[in-house]
Amino acid sequence: MRRLLLIANPSASGFTGAALRDVEATLSNKYDVTTAWPNGPAESRQAAADAAEDGYSVVAAMGGDGVVHHVANGLAFAPTALGVIPTGTTNVVARILGIPLNPEKAASRLVSGMQQPFTLAHIATESQLAARSEYAVFSLGLGLDADVVAVSDQRPAAKYHFSSLNFAAIATRQVLSTYRTRLPNMLVECDGQRVHAATVLVQIHGAYTYWGRAPLRIRPDPGDGLSVVAIERVSATATIGLAARGLMRRPMAKQAGAHVFNDIEKLIIEAEPAARFQADGELLGSTDSVEITPAYDALTVIVPNGSS
């Protein structure tokens, strides 16, 4: 029987002991299941990397997008497949892959699912602050959204209870206060073009938003390439306009002060002063220089079988 490592994050908002037992029982119909309880992000990605090295067929992340991010980083370019059992707040990765948000149903779809390649975004920084190599699963950003993540992380109770509304409220406050007078402090070079920006968002698989179920798309058409929007000034008017265009699948590039690039091969951002950056809602610190490139088929994921 093939082996599956279930990496559990009991701090996820929807995680319960009963859900875990149901998931383990369902997965055991096909796999020899081992459950791991890593103590923090570093242990999660190391457990995933060790499982891949040991020949496990699947590593399943049971939790929110944070644990999925860290498990994916442990599995990048390994033959072991990633499975997702969502028990978090927004569960963006599960929504992108069409995985049910009910943990037991997600486990059932994992058992009957099929494997497919999945593109990641590679983030490399040799900043004076720190050198780092990281993969993003569905989104990353410098500036506004990273600042929103930083504030949210300081208020775990609000993040737990209000999730998407909490992110939206923090973003609104940031736009109306900190970013209202902020000048473009980033030089963005994308496939030979250069623009200045106060915030940069990168999307990988077509849906990322603070508002949960409502997908916010940089590009109106589906695509697995990297899409970028660089915003010169983050005003209330510009933010509302961009959000409306993204939600209605209208071109963001027509919003004044927004520069959109699709299917990029290399993105270089220089920030002065240094800017916070995040990936998949995980704050990675601050940097004054970062290079972002697509990592095609870097991951194998299990998605629901259309006939199941």
Protein backbone atom coordinates (compact mmCIF):
# COMPACT_ATOMS: atom_id res chain seq x y z
CA MET A 1 0.00 0.00 0.00
CA ARG A 2 1.26 3.47 -0.87
CA ARG A 3 2.19 5.75 2.00
CA LEU A 4 0.68 9.14 2.83
CA LEU A 5 1.94 11.61 5.41
CA LEU A 6 -0.83 13.77 6.86
CA ILE A 7 0.60 17.03 8.21
CA ALA A 8 -1.92 18.42 10.67
CA ASN A 9 -2.24 22.00 11.86
CA PRO A 10 -4.63 21.99 14.85
CA SER A 11 -4.47 25.79 15.13
CA ALA A 12 -6.42 26.17 11.85
CA SER A 13 -9.84 27.71 12.46
CA GLY A 14 -11.90 24.72 11.32
CA PHE A 15 -9.69 21.95 12.69
CA THR A 16 -11.35 19.46 15.09
CA GLY A 17 -10.41 16.08 16.47
CA ALA A 18 -13.53 14.56 14.94
CA ALA A 19 -12.63 15.94 11.50
CA LEU A 20 -9.12 14.52 11.83
CA ARG A 21 -10.44 11.05 12.68
CA ASP A 22 -12.84 11.13 9.72
CA VAL A 23 -10.06 12.25 7.38
CA GLU A 24 -7.65 9.55 8.62
CA ALA A 25 -10.32 6.86 8.20
CA THR A 26 -11.15 7.96 4.67
CA LEU A 27 -7.53 8.24 3.56
CA SER A 28 -6.80 4.79 5.02
CA ASN A 29 -9.03 3.25 2.35
CA LYS A 30 -6.21 3.79 -0.12
CA TYR A 31 -3.08 4.76 1.80
CA ASP A 32 -0.97 3.69 4.73
CA VAL A 33 -1.47 6.92 6.71
CA THR A 34 0.97 8.49 9.15
CA THR A 35 -0.05 11.70 10.92
CA ALA A 36 2.56 14.29 11.85
CA TRP A 37 2.18 17.29 14.18
CA PRO A 38 4.97 19.70 13.26
CA ASN A 39 5.74 22.52 15.66
CA GLY A 40 5.71 25.50 13.32
CA PRO A 41 6.38 26.31 9.65
CA ALA A 42 10.01 25.14 9.50
CA GLU A 43 9.10 21.72 10.87
CA SER A 44 6.17 21.44 8.43
CA ARG A 45 8.33 21.95 5.37
CA GLN A 46 11.09 19.74 6.73
CA ALA A 47 8.58 16.95 7.45
CA ALA A 48 7.33 17.23 3.86
CA ALA A 49 10.87 17.19 2.44
CA ASP A 50 11.80 14.19 4.61
CA ALA A 51 8.67 12.31 3.47
CA ALA A 52 9.57 12.93 -0.18
CA GLU A 53 13.12 11.73 0.48
CA ASP A 54 11.70 8.62 2.18
CA GLY A 55 9.53 7.73 -0.81
CA TYR A 56 6.05 8.72 0.38
CA SER A 57 3.51 8.93 -2.45
CA VAL A 58 1.55 11.85 -0.98
CA VAL A 59 1.93 14.51 1.68
CA ALA A 60 -1.45 15.96 2.63
CA ALA A 61 -1.66 19.36 4.33
CA MET A 62 -4.60 19.58 6.75
CA GLY A 63 -5.06 23.20 7.74
CA GLY A 64 -5.22 26.59 6.02
CA ASP A 65 -3.21 28.17 3.22
CA GLY A 66 -0.26 28.66 5.58
CA VAL A 67 0.41 24.96 6.10
CA VAL A 68 -0.18 24.33 2.38
CA HIS A 69 2.47 26.96 1.60
CA HIS A 70 5.06 25.37 3.85
CA VAL A 71 4.34 21.80 2.73
CA ALA A 72 4.54 22.89 -0.92
CA ASN A 73 7.96 24.45 -0.24
CA GLY A 74 9.11 21.14 1.20
CA LEU A 75 7.87 19.24 -1.87
CA ALA A 76 8.99 21.58 -4.67
CA PHE A 77 10.52 19.55 -7.53
CA ALA A 78 10.04 16.27 -5.63
CA PRO A 79 8.02 13.36 -7.08
CA THR A 80 5.77 13.21 -4.00
CA ALA A 81 2.31 14.72 -4.61
CA LEU A 82 0.62 17.39 -2.50
CA GLY A 83 -2.89 16.77 -1.18
CA VAL A 84 -5.00 19.51 0.44
CA ILE A 85 -7.48 19.00 3.29
CA PRO A 86 -8.83 22.51 3.99
CA THR A 87 -9.66 23.53 7.57
CA GLY A 88 -8.55 27.18 7.44
CA THR A 89 -10.35 30.48 6.98
CA THR A 90 -10.19 31.37 3.28
CA ASN A 91 -8.65 28.16 1.83
CA VAL A 92 -7.60 29.81 -1.44
CA VAL A 93 -5.61 26.81 -2.70
CA ALA A 94 -8.54 24.44 -2.17
CA ARG A 95 -10.81 26.81 -4.10
CA ILE A 96 -8.34 27.06 -6.98
CA LEU A 97 -8.06 23.25 -7.21
CA GLY A 98 -11.81 22.65 -6.88
CA ILE A 99 -11.42 20.74 -3.60
CA PRO A 100 -14.48 20.62 -1.29
CA LEU A 101 -14.11 22.75 1.83
CA ASN A 102 -15.52 19.98 4.02
CA PRO A 103 -12.48 18.01 5.31
CA GLU A 104 -14.03 14.53 5.00
CA LYS A 105 -15.28 15.26 1.47
CA ALA A 106 -11.85 16.65 0.58
CA ALA A 107 -10.25 13.42 1.83
CA SER A 108 -12.67 11.37 -0.25
CA ARG A 109 -11.81 13.39 -3.35
CA LEU A 110 -8.11 12.95 -2.58
CA VAL A 111 -8.55 9.17 -2.47
CA SER A 112 -10.32 9.13 -5.86
CA GLY A 113 -8.42 12.07 -7.33
CA MET A 114 -5.83 12.40 -10.03
CA GLN A 115 -2.40 13.99 -10.15
CA GLN A 116 -1.55 17.03 -12.23
CA PRO A 117 1.47 19.35 -12.51
CA PHE A 118 1.26 22.73 -10.82
CA THR A 119 3.24 25.93 -11.38
CA LEU A 120 4.78 27.86 -8.50
CA ALA A 121 6.49 31.24 -8.32
CA HIS A 122 10.10 31.32 -7.13
CA ILE A 123 11.14 34.24 -4.95
CA ALA A 124 14.86 34.93 -4.61
CA THR A 125 16.27 37.79 -2.59
CA GLU A 126 19.85 38.67 -1.78
CA SER A 127 18.78 41.74 0.13
CA GLN A 128 21.11 43.44 2.57
CA LEU A 129 18.51 42.44 5.17
CA ALA A 130 18.50 38.73 4.38
CA ALA A 131 19.02 36.16 1.63
CA ARG A 132 16.01 33.97 0.98
CA SER A 133 14.67 31.43 -1.50
CA GLU A 134 10.95 30.67 -1.32
CA TYR A 135 8.10 29.36 -3.46
CA ALA A 136 4.63 30.90 -3.62
CA VAL A 137 1.65 28.69 -4.41
CA PHE A 138 -0.99 31.21 -5.46
CA SER A 139 0.14 34.78 -4.78
CA LEU A 140 2.83 37.07 -3.46
CA GLY A 141 3.25 40.77 -3.04
CA LEU A 142 5.34 43.68 -1.86
CA GLY A 143 3.83 46.71 -0.19
CA LEU A 144 0.15 46.95 0.68
CA ASP A 145 -0.87 43.31 0.94
CA ALA A 146 2.29 42.43 2.88
CA ASP A 147 1.57 45.27 5.31
CA VAL A 148 -1.99 43.95 5.70
CA VAL A 149 -0.62 40.50 6.53
CA ALA A 150 1.79 42.04 9.08
CA VAL A 151 -1.01 43.89 10.88
CA SER A 152 -3.30 40.83 10.75
CA ASP A 153 -0.61 38.62 12.29
CA GLN A 154 -0.53 40.98 15.27
CA ARG A 155 -4.26 40.39 15.83
CA PRO A 156 -4.71 36.61 15.72
CA ALA A 157 -8.13 36.65 17.41
CA ALA A 158 -9.61 38.95 14.75
CA LYS A 159 -7.94 36.91 12.00
CA TYR A 160 -9.45 33.73 13.45
CA HIS A 161 -13.00 35.02 13.96
CA PHE A 162 -13.47 37.47 11.09
CA SER A 163 -10.98 36.20 8.45
CA SER A 164 -11.85 37.91 5.14
CA LEU A 165 -13.66 40.84 6.75
CA ASN A 166 -10.62 41.39 8.97
CA PHE A 167 -8.29 41.54 5.95
CA ALA A 168 -10.63 43.91 4.11
CA ALA A 169 -10.90 46.23 7.12
CA ILE A 170 -7.12 46.34 7.60
CA ALA A 171 -6.56 46.99 3.89
CA THR A 172 -9.06 49.85 3.98
CA ARG A 173 -7.34 51.44 6.96
CA GLN A 174 -3.93 51.10 5.30
CA VAL A 175 -5.17 52.74 2.11
CA LEU A 176 -6.78 55.63 3.96
CA SER A 177 -3.83 56.24 6.30
CA THR A 178 -0.34 54.87 5.59
CA TYR A 179 -0.65 54.67 1.80
CA ARG A 180 -2.63 57.85 1.22
CA THR A 181 0.53 59.94 0.90
CA ARG A 182 3.08 57.24 0.04
CA LEU A 183 5.14 57.88 -3.07
CA PRO A 184 6.25 55.07 -5.40
CA ASN A 185 9.31 53.57 -3.70
CA MET A 186 9.84 50.53 -5.94
CA LEU A 187 11.48 50.22 -9.33
CA VAL A 188 9.80 47.32 -11.11
CA GLU A 189 11.50 45.69 -14.09
CA CYS A 190 9.37 43.13 -15.88
CA ASP A 191 10.58 41.40 -19.05
CA GLY A 192 12.50 44.50 -20.13
CA GLN A 193 9.90 47.12 -19.13
CA ARG A 194 10.41 49.46 -16.17
CA VAL A 195 7.79 51.23 -14.04
CA HIS A 196 7.63 52.75 -10.56
CA ALA A 197 5.19 51.47 -7.95
CA ALA A 198 4.10 51.77 -4.33
CA THR A 199 2.76 48.22 -4.23
CA VAL A 200 3.12 45.11 -6.40
CA LEU A 201 0.86 42.04 -6.54
CA VAL A 202 1.71 38.77 -8.29
CA GLN A 203 -0.90 36.12 -9.03
CA ILE A 204 -0.17 32.59 -10.18
CA HIS A 205 -3.39 30.63 -10.72
CA GLY A 206 -6.11 33.16 -11.29
CA ALA A 207 -7.80 33.73 -7.94
CA TYR A 208 -6.58 35.57 -4.88
CA THR A 209 -8.54 37.95 -2.70
CA TYR A 210 -9.05 39.18 0.84
CA TRP A 211 -12.77 38.58 0.34
CA GLY A 212 -12.83 34.78 0.41
CA ARG A 213 -15.24 33.38 -2.17
CA ALA A 214 -15.12 36.36 -4.53
CA PRO A 215 -12.16 35.73 -6.88
CA LEU A 216 -10.04 38.79 -7.65
CA ARG A 217 -8.24 38.30 -10.96
CA ILE A 218 -5.38 40.37 -12.34
CA ARG A 219 -6.02 38.81 -15.75
CA PRO A 220 -9.60 38.34 -16.94
CA ASP A 221 -8.87 35.00 -18.61
CA PRO A 222 -7.79 31.80 -16.82
CA GLY A 223 -4.09 31.06 -16.88
CA ASP A 224 -1.31 29.39 -14.92
CA GLY A 225 1.38 31.91 -15.83
CA LEU A 226 2.48 34.70 -13.51
CA SER A 227 0.44 37.90 -13.71
CA VAL A 228 1.61 41.15 -12.12
CA VAL A 229 -0.06 44.45 -11.29
CA ALA A 230 2.22 47.31 -10.22
CA ILE A 231 0.35 50.27 -8.74
CA GLU A 232 1.97 53.71 -8.73
CA ARG A 233 -0.17 55.34 -6.03
CA VAL A 234 -2.49 53.49 -3.65
CA SER A 235 -5.44 55.85 -3.31
CA ALA A 236 -8.96 54.89 -2.24
CA THR A 237 -10.23 55.61 -5.75
CA ALA A 238 -7.55 53.51 -7.43
CA THR A 239 -8.01 50.61 -4.99
CA ILE A 240 -11.78 50.50 -5.43
CA GLY A 241 -11.39 50.75 -9.19
CA LEU A 242 -8.87 47.91 -9.34
CA ALA A 243 -10.94 45.69 -7.02
CA ALA A 244 -14.07 46.29 -9.09
CA ARG A 245 -12.25 45.49 -12.34
CA GLY A 246 -10.70 42.34 -10.86
CA LEU A 247 -14.00 41.07 -9.47
CA MET A 248 -15.83 41.74 -12.74
CA ARG A 249 -12.96 40.31 -14.86
CA ARG A 250 -12.32 43.60 -16.60
CA PRO A 251 -8.79 44.66 -17.60
CA MET A 252 -6.96 46.18 -14.62
CA ALA A 253 -4.54 47.86 -17.03
CA LYS A 254 -7.23 50.40 -17.91
CA GLN A 255 -7.15 51.74 -14.34
CA ALA A 256 -5.00 54.88 -14.21
CA GLY A 257 -1.68 54.26 -12.49
CA ALA A 258 -1.86 50.46 -12.81
CA HIS A 259 0.63 48.52 -14.93
CA VAL A 260 -0.30 44.91 -15.73
CA PHE A 261 2.04 42.21 -17.08
CA ASN A 262 0.90 38.69 -17.97
CA ASP A 263 2.84 35.45 -18.45
CA ILE A 264 6.06 36.99 -17.23
CA GLU A 265 9.41 35.20 -17.22
CA LYS A 266 11.29 37.48 -14.82
CA LEU A 267 10.29 40.22 -12.40
CA ILE A 268 12.91 42.27 -10.54
CA ILE A 269 11.91 44.73 -7.84
CA GLU A 270 14.23 47.21 -6.12
CA ALA A 271 12.74 48.99 -3.08
CA GLU A 272 14.04 52.09 -1.31
CA PRO A 273 13.33 52.01 1.56
CA ALA A 274 12.95 48.25 1.95
CA ALA A 275 9.42 46.87 1.59
CA ARG A 276 7.66 44.03 3.35
CA PHE A 277 6.90 41.01 1.17
CA GLN A 278 4.56 38.06 1.58
CA ALA A 279 3.71 34.79 -0.15
CA ASP A 280 0.34 33.02 0.21
CA GLY A 281 -0.48 35.19 3.21
CA GLU A 282 2.78 34.31 5.00
CA LEU A 283 4.91 37.32 5.90
CA LEU A 284 8.50 36.72 4.73
CA GLY A 285 10.11 39.88 6.11
CA SER A 286 11.44 42.98 4.34
CA THR A 287 13.66 43.29 1.30
CA ASP A 288 15.27 45.94 -0.88
CA SER A 289 15.78 43.59 -3.84
CA VAL A 290 13.86 40.55 -5.08
CA GLU A 291 13.70 38.46 -8.24
CA ILE A 292 10.54 36.49 -9.08
CA THR A 293 10.35 33.82 -11.80
CA PRO A 294 7.86 31.09 -12.73
CA ALA A 295 8.70 27.55 -11.63
CA TYR A 296 6.74 25.55 -14.18
CA ASP A 297 5.45 22.14 -13.05
CA ALA A 298 7.45 22.46 -9.84
CA LEU A 299 4.77 20.63 -7.86
CA THR A 300 2.44 17.70 -8.35
CA VAL A 301 -1.01 18.19 -6.81
CA ILE A 302 -3.97 15.88 -6.36
CA VAL A 303 -7.21 17.33 -7.74
CA PRO A 304 -10.74 15.90 -7.74
CA ASN A 305 -11.48 13.51 -10.56
CA GLY A 306 -14.20 14.97 -12.78
CA SER A 307 -16.07 11.67 -12.81
CA SER A 308 -16.08 11.20 -9.02
